[in-house]
Amino acid sequence: MDQKKTVSELKHIVQCFCEERDWDQFHNPKDLAIGISTEANELLDIFRFKTDEQMKQIFLDTQRREHVEEEIADTLFFILRFAQMNHIDLSKAIVDKIEKNSKKYPVEEVKGKNNKYNER
């Protein structure tokens, strides 16, 4: 399905869902940013204090995997809604950010390393 829907189509689906419920009034930048953070933290909570093996097991268990999928979908929902409400071109934003990160993290200097750019 990832290959069948564009970012624009996903933003439109989220927009229609919210407008049918008259939720524009609640979706200012602050509250949408709170939604992104809240949902991302719910995703994080699934993996908190888990070992590598326990995390692998989460993805093998149908119900627990579904929970992960729901939390990541909730996070993406708020990101798409934030972008749609604030006229942010997500494709341009990610391409621009990758270009900036490419300069910050040149392959020849960071390949195989996980240091932050200011820790080299």
PDB file of N, CA and C in Angstrom:
ATOM      1  N   MET A   1       0.817  -1.202   0.000  1.00  0.00           N
ATOM      2  CA  MET A   1       0.000   0.000   0.000  1.00  0.00           C
ATOM      3  C   MET A   1       0.857   1.261   0.000  1.00  0.00           C
ATOM      4  N   ASP A   2       2.060   1.198   0.662  1.00  0.00           N
ATOM      5  CA  ASP A   2       2.951   2.357   0.665  1.00  0.00           C
ATOM      6  C   ASP A   2       3.258   2.831  -0.749  1.00  0.00           C
ATOM      7  N   GLN A   3       3.338   1.900  -1.671  1.00  0.00           N
ATOM      8  CA  GLN A   3       3.701   2.260  -3.035  1.00  0.00           C
ATOM      9  C   GLN A   3       2.499   2.738  -3.848  1.00  0.00           C
ATOM     10  N   LYS A   4       1.307   2.654  -3.272  1.00  0.00           N
ATOM     11  CA  LYS A   4       0.103   3.044  -4.006  1.00  0.00           C
ATOM     12  C   LYS A   4      -0.428   4.417  -3.615  1.00  0.00           C
ATOM     13  N   LYS A   5      -0.032   4.927  -2.456  1.00  0.00           N
ATOM     14  CA  LYS A   5      -0.526   6.220  -1.977  1.00  0.00           C
ATOM     15  C   LYS A   5       0.619   7.233  -1.942  1.00  0.00           C
ATOM     16  N   THR A   6       0.355   8.425  -2.434  1.00  0.00           N
ATOM     17  CA  THR A   6       1.340   9.491  -2.349  1.00  0.00           C
ATOM     18  C   THR A   6       1.168  10.226  -1.013  1.00  0.00           C
ATOM     19  N   VAL A   7       2.149  11.023  -0.672  1.00  0.00           N
ATOM     20  CA  VAL A   7       2.045  11.842   0.538  1.00  0.00           C
ATOM     21  C   VAL A   7       0.849  12.781   0.399  1.00  0.00           C
ATOM     22  N   SER A   8       0.681  13.328  -0.769  1.00  0.00           N
ATOM     23  CA  SER A   8      -0.435  14.238  -1.017  1.00  0.00           C
ATOM     24  C   SER A   8      -1.778  13.538  -0.807  1.00  0.00           C
ATOM     25  N   GLU A   9      -1.882  12.313  -1.276  1.00  0.00           N
ATOM     26  CA  GLU A   9      -3.128  11.555  -1.086  1.00  0.00           C
ATOM     27  C   GLU A   9      -3.373  11.276   0.399  1.00  0.00           C
ATOM     28  N   LEU A  10      -2.319  10.939   1.124  1.00  0.00           N
ATOM     29  CA  LEU A  10      -2.474  10.684   2.562  1.00  0.00           C
ATOM     30  C   LEU A  10      -2.908  11.956   3.291  1.00  0.00           C
ATOM     31  N   LYS A  11      -2.298  13.094   2.926  1.00  0.00           N
ATOM     32  CA  LYS A  11      -2.704  14.364   3.538  1.00  0.00           C
ATOM     33  C   LYS A  11      -4.181  14.650   3.254  1.00  0.00           C
ATOM     34  N   HIS A  12      -4.617  14.347   2.041  1.00  0.00           N
ATOM     35  CA  HIS A  12      -6.017  14.586   1.680  1.00  0.00           C
ATOM     36  C   HIS A  12      -6.964  13.672   2.480  1.00  0.00           C
ATOM     37  N   ILE A  13      -6.576  12.429   2.673  1.00  0.00           N
ATOM     38  CA  ILE A  13      -7.398  11.494   3.473  1.00  0.00           C
ATOM     39  C   ILE A  13      -7.547  12.015   4.902  1.00  0.00           C
ATOM     40  N   VAL A  14      -6.435  12.463   5.480  1.00  0.00           N
ATOM     41  CA  VAL A  14      -6.467  12.996   6.848  1.00  0.00           C
ATOM     42  C   VAL A  14      -7.304  14.276   6.892  1.00  0.00           C
ATOM     43  N   GLN A  15      -7.124  15.137   5.893  1.00  0.00           N
ATOM     44  CA  GLN A  15      -7.884  16.386   5.839  1.00  0.00           C
ATOM     45  C   GLN A  15      -9.388  16.103   5.789  1.00  0.00           C
ATOM     46  N   CYS A  16      -9.805  15.206   4.917  1.00  0.00           N
ATOM     47  CA  CYS A  16     -11.233  14.863   4.800  1.00  0.00           C
ATOM     48  C   CYS A  16     -11.772  14.304   6.114  1.00  0.00           C
ATOM     49  N   PHE A  17     -11.010  13.414   6.728  1.00  0.00           N
ATOM     50  CA  PHE A  17     -11.421  12.817   7.999  1.00  0.00           C
ATOM     51  C   PHE A  17     -11.672  13.912   9.041  1.00  0.00           C
ATOM     52  N   CYS A  18     -10.750  14.863   9.126  1.00  0.00           N
ATOM     53  CA  CYS A  18     -10.853  15.915  10.138  1.00  0.00           C
ATOM     54  C   CYS A  18     -11.954  16.919   9.804  1.00  0.00           C
ATOM     55  N   GLU A  19     -12.062  17.285   8.537  1.00  0.00           N
ATOM     56  CA  GLU A  19     -13.077  18.274   8.161  1.00  0.00           C
ATOM     57  C   GLU A  19     -14.486  17.721   8.324  1.00  0.00           C
ATOM     58  N   GLU A  20     -14.669  16.431   8.082  1.00  0.00           N
ATOM     59  CA  GLU A  20     -15.993  15.819   8.302  1.00  0.00           C
ATOM     60  C   GLU A  20     -16.405  15.919   9.765  1.00  0.00           C
ATOM     61  N   ARG A  21     -15.433  16.015  10.642  1.00  0.00           N
ATOM     62  CA  ARG A  21     -15.697  16.063  12.096  1.00  0.00           C
ATOM     63  C   ARG A  21     -15.577  17.484  12.665  1.00  0.00           C
ATOM     64  N   ASP A  22     -15.370  18.468  11.759  1.00  0.00           N
ATOM     65  CA  ASP A  22     -15.227  19.868  12.162  1.00  0.00           C
ATOM     66  C   ASP A  22     -14.117  20.060  13.195  1.00  0.00           C
ATOM     67  N   TRP A  23     -12.958  19.444  12.910  1.00  0.00           N
ATOM     68  CA  TRP A  23     -11.840  19.505  13.859  1.00  0.00           C
ATOM     69  C   TRP A  23     -10.806  20.568  13.510  1.00  0.00           C
ATOM     70  N   ASP A  24     -11.010  21.304  12.409  1.00  0.00           N
ATOM     71  CA  ASP A  24     -10.041  22.360  12.075  1.00  0.00           C
ATOM     72  C   ASP A  24      -9.859  23.311  13.252  1.00  0.00           C
ATOM     73  N   GLN A  25     -10.952  23.594  13.948  1.00  0.00           N
ATOM     74  CA  GLN A  25     -10.926  24.534  15.073  1.00  0.00           C
ATOM     75  C   GLN A  25      -9.976  24.093  16.198  1.00  0.00           C
ATOM     76  N   PHE A  26      -9.668  22.806  16.261  1.00  0.00           N
ATOM     77  CA  PHE A  26      -8.797  22.297  17.329  1.00  0.00           C
ATOM     78  C   PHE A  26      -7.359  22.069  16.869  1.00  0.00           C
ATOM     79  N   HIS A  27      -7.106  22.236  15.585  1.00  0.00           N
ATOM     80  CA  HIS A  27      -5.822  21.821  15.027  1.00  0.00           C
ATOM     81  C   HIS A  27      -4.911  23.002  14.720  1.00  0.00           C
ATOM     82  N   ASN A  28      -4.544  23.736  15.761  1.00  0.00           N
ATOM     83  CA  ASN A  28      -3.543  24.795  15.600  1.00  0.00           C
ATOM     84  C   ASN A  28      -2.156  24.146  15.704  1.00  0.00           C
ATOM     85  N   PRO A  29      -1.107  24.882  15.321  1.00  0.00           N
ATOM     86  CA  PRO A  29       0.237  24.271  15.330  1.00  0.00           C
ATOM     87  C   PRO A  29       0.638  23.688  16.686  1.00  0.00           C
ATOM     88  N   LYS A  30       0.318  24.398  17.775  1.00  0.00           N
ATOM     89  CA  LYS A  30       0.715  23.909  19.107  1.00  0.00           C
ATOM     90  C   LYS A  30       0.044  22.572  19.415  1.00  0.00           C
ATOM     91  N   ASP A  31      -1.252  22.497  19.214  1.00  0.00           N
ATOM     92  CA  ASP A  31      -1.952  21.270  19.584  1.00  0.00           C
ATOM     93  C   ASP A  31      -1.592  20.101  18.662  1.00  0.00           C
ATOM     94  N   LEU A  32      -1.305  20.399  17.398  1.00  0.00           N
ATOM     95  CA  LEU A  32      -0.865  19.321  16.505  1.00  0.00           C
ATOM     96  C   LEU A  32       0.543  18.855  16.866  1.00  0.00           C
ATOM     97  N   ALA A  33       1.412  19.792  17.262  1.00  0.00           N
ATOM     98  CA  ALA A  33       2.760  19.398  17.717  1.00  0.00           C
ATOM     99  C   ALA A  33       2.658  18.552  18.983  1.00  0.00           C
ATOM    100  N   ILE A  34       1.751  18.917  19.872  1.00  0.00           N
ATOM    101  CA  ILE A  34       1.527  18.101  21.077  1.00  0.00           C
ATOM    102  C   ILE A  34       1.057  16.702  20.664  1.00  0.00           C
ATOM    103  N   GLY A  35       0.181  16.645  19.672  1.00  0.00           N
ATOM    104  CA  GLY A  35      -0.294  15.339  19.190  1.00  0.00           C
ATOM    105  C   GLY A  35       0.838  14.489  18.636  1.00  0.00           C
ATOM    106  N   ILE A  36       1.740  15.106  17.865  1.00  0.00           N
ATOM    107  CA  ILE A  36       2.898  14.378  17.315  1.00  0.00           C
ATOM    108  C   ILE A  36       3.724  13.806  18.461  1.00  0.00           C
ATOM    109  N   SER A  37       4.022  14.649  19.438  1.00  0.00           N
ATOM    110  CA  SER A  37       4.857  14.224  20.558  1.00  0.00           C
ATOM    111  C   SER A  37       4.171  13.151  21.396  1.00  0.00           C
ATOM    112  N   THR A  38       2.913  13.335  21.678  1.00  0.00           N
ATOM    113  CA  THR A  38       2.168  12.379  22.503  1.00  0.00           C
ATOM    114  C   THR A  38       2.126  11.007  21.842  1.00  0.00           C
ATOM    115  N   GLU A  39       1.789  10.993  20.568  1.00  0.00           N
ATOM    116  CA  GLU A  39       1.685   9.706  19.872  1.00  0.00           C
ATOM    117  C   GLU A  39       3.064   9.052  19.709  1.00  0.00           C
ATOM    118  N   ALA A  40       4.100   9.860  19.452  1.00  0.00           N
ATOM    119  CA  ALA A  40       5.453   9.300  19.339  1.00  0.00           C
ATOM    120  C   ALA A  40       5.891   8.698  20.665  1.00  0.00           C
ATOM    121  N   ASN A  41       5.495   9.321  21.752  1.00  0.00           N
ATOM    122  CA  ASN A  41       5.849   8.784  23.067  1.00  0.00           C
ATOM    123  C   ASN A  41       5.073   7.510  23.385  1.00  0.00           C
ATOM    124  N   GLU A  42       3.857   7.395  22.885  1.00  0.00           N
ATOM    125  CA  GLU A  42       3.114   6.146  23.055  1.00  0.00           C
ATOM    126  C   GLU A  42       3.817   5.021  22.294  1.00  0.00           C
ATOM    127  N   LEU A  43       4.370   5.334  21.142  1.00  0.00           N
ATOM    128  CA  LEU A  43       5.164   4.348  20.394  1.00  0.00           C
ATOM    129  C   LEU A  43       6.416   3.981  21.182  1.00  0.00           C
ATOM    130  N   LEU A  44       7.090   4.977  21.699  1.00  0.00           N
ATOM    131  CA  LEU A  44       8.299   4.748  22.494  1.00  0.00           C
ATOM    132  C   LEU A  44       8.004   3.876  23.706  1.00  0.00           C
ATOM    133  N   ASP A  45       6.869   4.094  24.337  1.00  0.00           N
ATOM    134  CA  ASP A  45       6.511   3.352  25.547  1.00  0.00           C
ATOM    135  C   ASP A  45       6.420   1.842  25.291  1.00  0.00           C
ATOM    136  N   ILE A  46       6.041   1.473  24.095  1.00  0.00           N
ATOM    137  CA  ILE A  46       5.948   0.037  23.760  1.00  0.00           C
ATOM    138  C   ILE A  46       7.312  -0.638  23.919  1.00  0.00           C
ATOM    139  N   PHE A  47       8.374   0.089  23.614  1.00  0.00           N
ATOM    140  CA  PHE A  47       9.721  -0.493  23.595  1.00  0.00           C
ATOM    141  C   PHE A  47      10.552  -0.172  24.833  1.00  0.00           C
ATOM    142  N   ARG A  48       9.995   0.650  25.721  1.00  0.00           N
ATOM    143  CA  ARG A  48      10.736   1.055  26.915  1.00  0.00           C
ATOM    144  C   ARG A  48      11.118  -0.154  27.759  1.00  0.00           C
ATOM    145  N   PHE A  49      12.364  -0.209  28.156  1.00  0.00           N
ATOM    146  CA  PHE A  49      12.930  -1.262  29.018  1.00  0.00           C
ATOM    147  C   PHE A  49      12.931  -2.643  28.375  1.00  0.00           C
ATOM    148  N   LYS A  50      12.749  -2.735  27.084  1.00  0.00           N
ATOM    149  CA  LYS A  50      12.746  -4.030  26.405  1.00  0.00           C
ATOM    150  C   LYS A  50      14.155  -4.352  25.903  1.00  0.00           C
ATOM    151  N   THR A  51      14.497  -5.630  25.952  1.00  0.00           N
ATOM    152  CA  THR A  51      15.759  -6.089  25.383  1.00  0.00           C
ATOM    153  C   THR A  51      15.596  -6.221  23.871  1.00  0.00           C
ATOM    154  N   ASP A  52      16.708  -6.423  23.170  1.00  0.00           N
ATOM    155  CA  ASP A  52      16.638  -6.632  21.720  1.00  0.00           C
ATOM    156  C   ASP A  52      15.721  -7.812  21.398  1.00  0.00           C
ATOM    157  N   GLU A  53      15.859  -8.895  22.169  1.00  0.00           N
ATOM    158  CA  GLU A  53      15.036 -10.075  21.918  1.00  0.00           C
ATOM    159  C   GLU A  53      13.556  -9.789  22.163  1.00  0.00           C
ATOM    160  N   GLN A  54      13.254  -9.059  23.226  1.00  0.00           N
ATOM    161  CA  GLN A  54      11.858  -8.720  23.515  1.00  0.00           C
ATOM    162  C   GLN A  54      11.271  -7.838  22.409  1.00  0.00           C
ATOM    163  N   MET A  55      12.076  -6.956  21.877  1.00  0.00           N
ATOM    164  CA  MET A  55      11.583  -6.097  20.790  1.00  0.00           C
ATOM    165  C   MET A  55      11.318  -6.913  19.529  1.00  0.00           C
ATOM    166  N   LYS A  56      12.176  -7.895  19.259  1.00  0.00           N
ATOM    167  CA  LYS A  56      11.934  -8.768  18.106  1.00  0.00           C
ATOM    168  C   LYS A  56      10.626  -9.524  18.283  1.00  0.00           C
ATOM    169  N   GLN A  57      10.362  -9.960  19.507  1.00  0.00           N
ATOM    170  CA  GLN A  57       9.139 -10.714  19.790  1.00  0.00           C
ATOM    171  C   GLN A  57       7.883  -9.857  19.583  1.00  0.00           C
ATOM    172  N   ILE A  58       8.002  -8.584  19.860  1.00  0.00           N
ATOM    173  CA  ILE A  58       6.851  -7.686  19.659  1.00  0.00           C
ATOM    174  C   ILE A  58       6.368  -7.763  18.211  1.00  0.00           C
ATOM    175  N   PHE A  59       7.327  -7.803  17.279  1.00  0.00           N
ATOM    176  CA  PHE A  59       6.941  -7.812  15.864  1.00  0.00           C
ATOM    177  C   PHE A  59       6.464  -9.179  15.381  1.00  0.00           C
ATOM    178  N   LEU A  60       6.710 -10.207  16.178  1.00  0.00           N
ATOM    179  CA  LEU A  60       6.240 -11.548  15.819  1.00  0.00           C
ATOM    180  C   LEU A  60       4.852 -11.832  16.391  1.00  0.00           C
ATOM    181  N   ASP A  61       4.428 -11.033  17.350  1.00  0.00           N
ATOM    182  CA  ASP A  61       3.125 -11.200  17.988  1.00  0.00           C
ATOM    183  C   ASP A  61       2.105 -10.303  17.261  1.00  0.00           C
ATOM    184  N   THR A  62       1.068 -10.883  16.723  1.00  0.00           N
ATOM    185  CA  THR A  62       0.115 -10.144  15.895  1.00  0.00           C
ATOM    186  C   THR A  62      -0.491  -8.944  16.620  1.00  0.00           C
ATOM    187  N   GLN A  63      -0.940  -9.150  17.842  1.00  0.00           N
ATOM    188  CA  GLN A  63      -1.585  -8.054  18.573  1.00  0.00           C
ATOM    189  C   GLN A  63      -0.603  -6.942  18.936  1.00  0.00           C
ATOM    190  N   ARG A  64       0.571  -7.325  19.363  1.00  0.00           N
ATOM    191  CA  ARG A  64       1.556  -6.315  19.761  1.00  0.00           C
ATOM    192  C   ARG A  64       2.080  -5.572  18.530  1.00  0.00           C
ATOM    193  N   ARG A  65       2.250  -6.284  17.424  1.00  0.00           N
ATOM    194  CA  ARG A  65       2.657  -5.626  16.185  1.00  0.00           C
ATOM    195  C   ARG A  65       1.585  -4.621  15.738  1.00  0.00           C
ATOM    196  N   GLU A  66       0.323  -5.034  15.871  1.00  0.00           N
ATOM    197  CA  GLU A  66      -0.783  -4.139  15.504  1.00  0.00           C
ATOM    198  C   GLU A  66      -0.762  -2.880  16.376  1.00  0.00           C
ATOM    199  N   HIS A  67      -0.429  -3.045  17.647  1.00  0.00           N
ATOM    200  CA  HIS A  67      -0.330  -1.889  18.539  1.00  0.00           C
ATOM    201  C   HIS A  67       0.752  -0.926  18.048  1.00  0.00           C
ATOM    202  N   VAL A  68       1.905  -1.465  17.646  1.00  0.00           N
ATOM    203  CA  VAL A  68       2.982  -0.636  17.087  1.00  0.00           C
ATOM    204  C   VAL A  68       2.482   0.098  15.839  1.00  0.00           C
ATOM    205  N   GLU A  69       1.811  -0.634  14.964  1.00  0.00           N
ATOM    206  CA  GLU A  69       1.299  -0.031  13.729  1.00  0.00           C
ATOM    207  C   GLU A  69       0.311   1.094  14.031  1.00  0.00           C
ATOM    208  N   GLU A  70      -0.528   0.891  15.037  1.00  0.00           N
ATOM    209  CA  GLU A  70      -1.495   1.935  15.401  1.00  0.00           C
ATOM    210  C   GLU A  70      -0.796   3.184  15.927  1.00  0.00           C
ATOM    211  N   GLU A  71       0.212   2.996  16.748  1.00  0.00           N
ATOM    212  CA  GLU A  71       0.903   4.165  17.311  1.00  0.00           C
ATOM    213  C   GLU A  71       1.699   4.910  16.254  1.00  0.00           C
ATOM    214  N   ILE A  72       2.318   4.181  15.339  1.00  0.00           N
ATOM    215  CA  ILE A  72       3.063   4.886  14.283  1.00  0.00           C
ATOM    216  C   ILE A  72       2.089   5.567  13.319  1.00  0.00           C
ATOM    217  N   ALA A  73       0.931   4.952  13.098  1.00  0.00           N
ATOM    218  CA  ALA A  73      -0.087   5.587  12.259  1.00  0.00           C
ATOM    219  C   ALA A  73      -0.625   6.850  12.931  1.00  0.00           C
ATOM    220  N   ASP A  74      -0.844   6.801  14.235  1.00  0.00           N
ATOM    221  CA  ASP A  74      -1.299   7.992  14.964  1.00  0.00           C
ATOM    222  C   ASP A  74      -0.282   9.120  14.850  1.00  0.00           C
ATOM    223  N   THR A  75       1.002   8.773  14.953  1.00  0.00           N
ATOM    224  CA  THR A  75       2.059   9.782  14.842  1.00  0.00           C
ATOM    225  C   THR A  75       2.061  10.380  13.435  1.00  0.00           C
ATOM    226  N   LEU A  76       1.996   9.518  12.433  1.00  0.00           N
ATOM    227  CA  LEU A  76       1.984  10.003  11.043  1.00  0.00           C
ATOM    228  C   LEU A  76       0.734  10.838  10.763  1.00  0.00           C
ATOM    229  N   PHE A  77      -0.384  10.434  11.331  1.00  0.00           N
ATOM    230  CA  PHE A  77      -1.632  11.196  11.184  1.00  0.00           C
ATOM    231  C   PHE A  77      -1.398  12.649  11.606  1.00  0.00           C
ATOM    232  N   PHE A  78      -0.808  12.845  12.787  1.00  0.00           N
ATOM    233  CA  PHE A  78      -0.589  14.213  13.277  1.00  0.00           C
ATOM    234  C   PHE A  78       0.446  14.948  12.434  1.00  0.00           C
ATOM    235  N   ILE A  79       1.458  14.256  11.943  1.00  0.00           N
ATOM    236  CA  ILE A  79       2.457  14.899  11.077  1.00  0.00           C
ATOM    237  C   ILE A  79       1.797  15.351   9.766  1.00  0.00           C
ATOM    238  N   LEU A  80       1.013  14.462   9.172  1.00  0.00           N
ATOM    239  CA  LEU A  80       0.323  14.820   7.928  1.00  0.00           C
ATOM    240  C   LEU A  80      -0.652  15.975   8.156  1.00  0.00           C
ATOM    241  N   ARG A  81      -1.357  15.942   9.272  1.00  0.00           N
ATOM    242  CA  ARG A  81      -2.323  17.001   9.576  1.00  0.00           C
ATOM    243  C   ARG A  81      -1.609  18.335   9.824  1.00  0.00           C
ATOM    244  N   PHE A  82      -0.489  18.280  10.542  1.00  0.00           N
ATOM    245  CA  PHE A  82       0.305  19.487  10.790  1.00  0.00           C
ATOM    246  C   PHE A  82       0.749  20.086   9.457  1.00  0.00           C
ATOM    247  N   ALA A  83       1.269  19.244   8.582  1.00  0.00           N
ATOM    248  CA  ALA A  83       1.747  19.715   7.281  1.00  0.00           C
ATOM    249  C   ALA A  83       0.603  20.269   6.434  1.00  0.00           C
ATOM    250  N   GLN A  84      -0.522  19.574   6.429  1.00  0.00           N
ATOM    251  CA  GLN A  84      -1.675  20.016   5.622  1.00  0.00           C
ATOM    252  C   GLN A  84      -2.210  21.349   6.123  1.00  0.00           C
ATOM    253  N   MET A  85      -2.366  21.485   7.422  1.00  0.00           N
ATOM    254  CA  MET A  85      -2.932  22.716   7.990  1.00  0.00           C
ATOM    255  C   MET A  85      -1.987  23.906   7.831  1.00  0.00           C
ATOM    256  N   ASN A  86      -0.678  23.650   7.745  1.00  0.00           N
ATOM    257  CA  ASN A  86       0.303  24.731   7.694  1.00  0.00           C
ATOM    258  C   ASN A  86       1.033  24.822   6.357  1.00  0.00           C
ATOM    259  N   HIS A  87       0.452  24.189   5.344  1.00  0.00           N
ATOM    260  CA  HIS A  87       0.955  24.294   3.968  1.00  0.00           C
ATOM    261  C   HIS A  87       2.432  23.944   3.865  1.00  0.00           C
ATOM    262  N   ILE A  88       2.800  22.839   4.476  1.00  0.00           N
ATOM    263  CA  ILE A  88       4.181  22.355   4.411  1.00  0.00           C
ATOM    264  C   ILE A  88       4.237  21.218   3.397  1.00  0.00           C
ATOM    265  N   ASP A  89       5.128  21.361   2.438  1.00  0.00           N
ATOM    266  CA  ASP A  89       5.361  20.322   1.441  1.00  0.00           C
ATOM    267  C   ASP A  89       6.320  19.304   2.060  1.00  0.00           C
ATOM    268  N   LEU A  90       5.768  18.197   2.525  1.00  0.00           N
ATOM    269  CA  LEU A  90       6.579  17.208   3.232  1.00  0.00           C
ATOM    270  C   LEU A  90       7.675  16.613   2.357  1.00  0.00           C
ATOM    271  N   SER A  91       7.383  16.378   1.101  1.00  0.00           N
ATOM    272  CA  SER A  91       8.400  15.808   0.206  1.00  0.00           C
ATOM    273  C   SER A  91       9.576  16.761   0.074  1.00  0.00           C
ATOM    274  N   LYS A  92       9.283  18.049  -0.131  1.00  0.00           N
ATOM    275  CA  LYS A  92      10.346  19.050  -0.225  1.00  0.00           C
ATOM    276  C   LYS A  92      11.088  19.151   1.103  1.00  0.00           C
ATOM    277  N   ALA A  93      10.356  19.156   2.209  1.00  0.00           N
ATOM    278  CA  ALA A  93      10.977  19.287   3.533  1.00  0.00           C
ATOM    279  C   ALA A  93      11.941  18.129   3.807  1.00  0.00           C
ATOM    280  N   ILE A  94      11.549  16.908   3.474  1.00  0.00           N
ATOM    281  CA  ILE A  94      12.434  15.769   3.758  1.00  0.00           C
ATOM    282  C   ILE A  94      13.636  15.759   2.819  1.00  0.00           C
ATOM    283  N   VAL A  95      13.419  16.092   1.558  1.00  0.00           N
ATOM    284  CA  VAL A  95      14.549  16.139   0.610  1.00  0.00           C
ATOM    285  C   VAL A  95      15.533  17.232   1.034  1.00  0.00           C
ATOM    286  N   ASP A  96      15.008  18.412   1.403  1.00  0.00           N
ATOM    287  CA  ASP A  96      15.876  19.506   1.859  1.00  0.00           C
ATOM    288  C   ASP A  96      16.657  19.092   3.112  1.00  0.00           C
ATOM    289  N   LYS A  97      15.976  18.412   4.047  1.00  0.00           N
ATOM    290  CA  LYS A  97      16.627  18.012   5.297  1.00  0.00           C
ATOM    291  C   LYS A  97      17.704  16.950   5.044  1.00  0.00           C
ATOM    292  N   ILE A  98      17.432  16.023   4.145  1.00  0.00           N
ATOM    293  CA  ILE A  98      18.436  15.006   3.809  1.00  0.00           C
ATOM    294  C   ILE A  98      19.666  15.670   3.184  1.00  0.00           C
ATOM    295  N   GLU A  99      19.432  16.682   2.333  1.00  0.00           N
ATOM    296  CA  GLU A  99      20.568  17.395   1.738  1.00  0.00           C
ATOM    297  C   GLU A  99      21.412  18.068   2.823  1.00  0.00           C
ATOM    298  N   LYS A 100      20.739  18.725   3.782  1.00  0.00           N
ATOM    299  CA  LYS A 100      21.468  19.364   4.887  1.00  0.00           C
ATOM    300  C   LYS A 100      22.218  18.327   5.711  1.00  0.00           C
ATOM    301  N   ASN A 101      21.556  17.207   6.009  1.00  0.00           N
ATOM    302  CA  ASN A 101      22.200  16.157   6.803  1.00  0.00           C
ATOM    303  C   ASN A 101      23.359  15.506   6.062  1.00  0.00           C
ATOM    304  N   SER A 102      23.281  15.452   4.744  1.00  0.00           N
ATOM    305  CA  SER A 102      24.379  14.896   3.955  1.00  0.00           C
ATOM    306  C   SER A 102      25.646  15.718   4.127  1.00  0.00           C
ATOM    307  N   LYS A 103      25.478  17.037   4.249  1.00  0.00           N
ATOM    308  CA  LYS A 103      26.632  17.911   4.475  1.00  0.00           C
ATOM    309  C   LYS A 103      27.140  17.769   5.912  1.00  0.00           C
ATOM    310  N   LYS A 104      26.189  17.595   6.842  1.00  0.00           N
ATOM    311  CA  LYS A 104      26.543  17.440   8.259  1.00  0.00           C
ATOM    312  C   LYS A 104      27.203  16.091   8.520  1.00  0.00           C
ATOM    313  N   TYR A 105      26.773  15.108   7.779  1.00  0.00           N
ATOM    314  CA  TYR A 105      27.249  13.735   7.975  1.00  0.00           C
ATOM    315  C   TYR A 105      27.790  13.168   6.655  1.00  0.00           C
ATOM    316  N   PRO A 106      28.967  13.638   6.216  1.00  0.00           N
ATOM    317  CA  PRO A 106      29.536  13.115   4.961  1.00  0.00           C
ATOM    318  C   PRO A 106      29.816  11.610   5.103  1.00  0.00           C
ATOM    319  N   VAL A 107      29.453  10.847   4.097  1.00  0.00           N
ATOM    320  CA  VAL A 107      29.594   9.389   4.134  1.00  0.00           C
ATOM    321  C   VAL A 107      31.014   8.986   4.523  1.00  0.00           C
ATOM    322  N   GLU A 108      32.007   9.641   3.907  1.00  0.00           N
ATOM    323  CA  GLU A 108      33.403   9.259   4.156  1.00  0.00           C
ATOM    324  C   GLU A 108      33.833   9.469   5.606  1.00  0.00           C
ATOM    325  N   GLU A 109      33.107  10.299   6.353  1.00  0.00           N
ATOM    326  CA  GLU A 109      33.459  10.556   7.755  1.00  0.00           C
ATOM    327  C   GLU A 109      32.615   9.782   8.761  1.00  0.00           C
ATOM    328  N   VAL A 110      31.401   9.384   8.368  1.00  0.00           N
ATOM    329  CA  VAL A 110      30.488   8.815   9.364  1.00  0.00           C
ATOM    330  C   VAL A 110      30.042   7.379   9.081  1.00  0.00           C
ATOM    331  N   LYS A 111      30.433   6.835   7.957  1.00  0.00           N
ATOM    332  CA  LYS A 111      29.953   5.503   7.605  1.00  0.00           C
ATOM    333  C   LYS A 111      30.290   4.501   8.716  1.00  0.00           C
ATOM    334  N   GLY A 112      29.255   3.838   9.201  1.00  0.00           N
ATOM    335  CA  GLY A 112      29.439   2.840  10.255  1.00  0.00           C
ATOM    336  C   GLY A 112      29.573   3.415  11.652  1.00  0.00           C
ATOM    337  N   LYS A 113      29.425   4.724  11.786  1.00  0.00           N
ATOM    338  CA  LYS A 113      29.554   5.376  13.099  1.00  0.00           C
ATOM    339  C   LYS A 113      28.208   6.012  13.457  1.00  0.00           C
ATOM    340  N   ASN A 114      27.949   6.118  14.760  1.00  0.00           N
ATOM    341  CA  ASN A 114      26.682   6.741  15.171  1.00  0.00           C
ATOM    342  C   ASN A 114      26.904   7.994  16.017  1.00  0.00           C
ATOM    343  N   ASN A 115      28.050   8.626  15.831  1.00  0.00           N
ATOM    344  CA  ASN A 115      28.319   9.856  16.567  1.00  0.00           C
ATOM    345  C   ASN A 115      27.505  11.003  15.994  1.00  0.00           C
ATOM    346  N   LYS A 116      27.124  11.921  16.872  1.00  0.00           N
ATOM    347  CA  LYS A 116      26.446  13.116  16.436  1.00  0.00           C
ATOM    348  C   LYS A 116      27.467  13.996  15.713  1.00  0.00           C
ATOM    349  N   TYR A 117      27.007  14.877  14.810  1.00  0.00           N
ATOM    350  CA  TYR A 117      27.923  15.661  13.972  1.00  0.00           C
ATOM    351  C   TYR A 117      28.935  16.461  14.791  1.00  0.00           C
ATOM    352  N   ASN A 118      28.559  16.870  15.994  1.00  0.00           N
ATOM    353  CA  ASN A 118      29.487  17.665  16.801  1.00  0.00           C
ATOM    354  C   ASN A 118      30.333  16.809  17.753  1.00  0.00           C
ATOM    355  N   GLU A 119      30.276  15.499  17.582  1.00  0.00           N
ATOM    356  CA  GLU A 119      31.048  14.582  18.425  1.00  0.00           C
ATOM    357  C   GLU A 119      32.182  13.911  17.663  1.00  0.00           C
ATOM    358  N   ARG A 120      32.430  14.321  16.424  1.00  0.00           N
ATOM    359  CA  ARG A 120      33.473  13.682  15.619  1.00  0.00           C
ATOM    360  C   ARG A 120      34.837  14.158  15.983  1.00  0.00           C
TER     361      ARG A 120
END
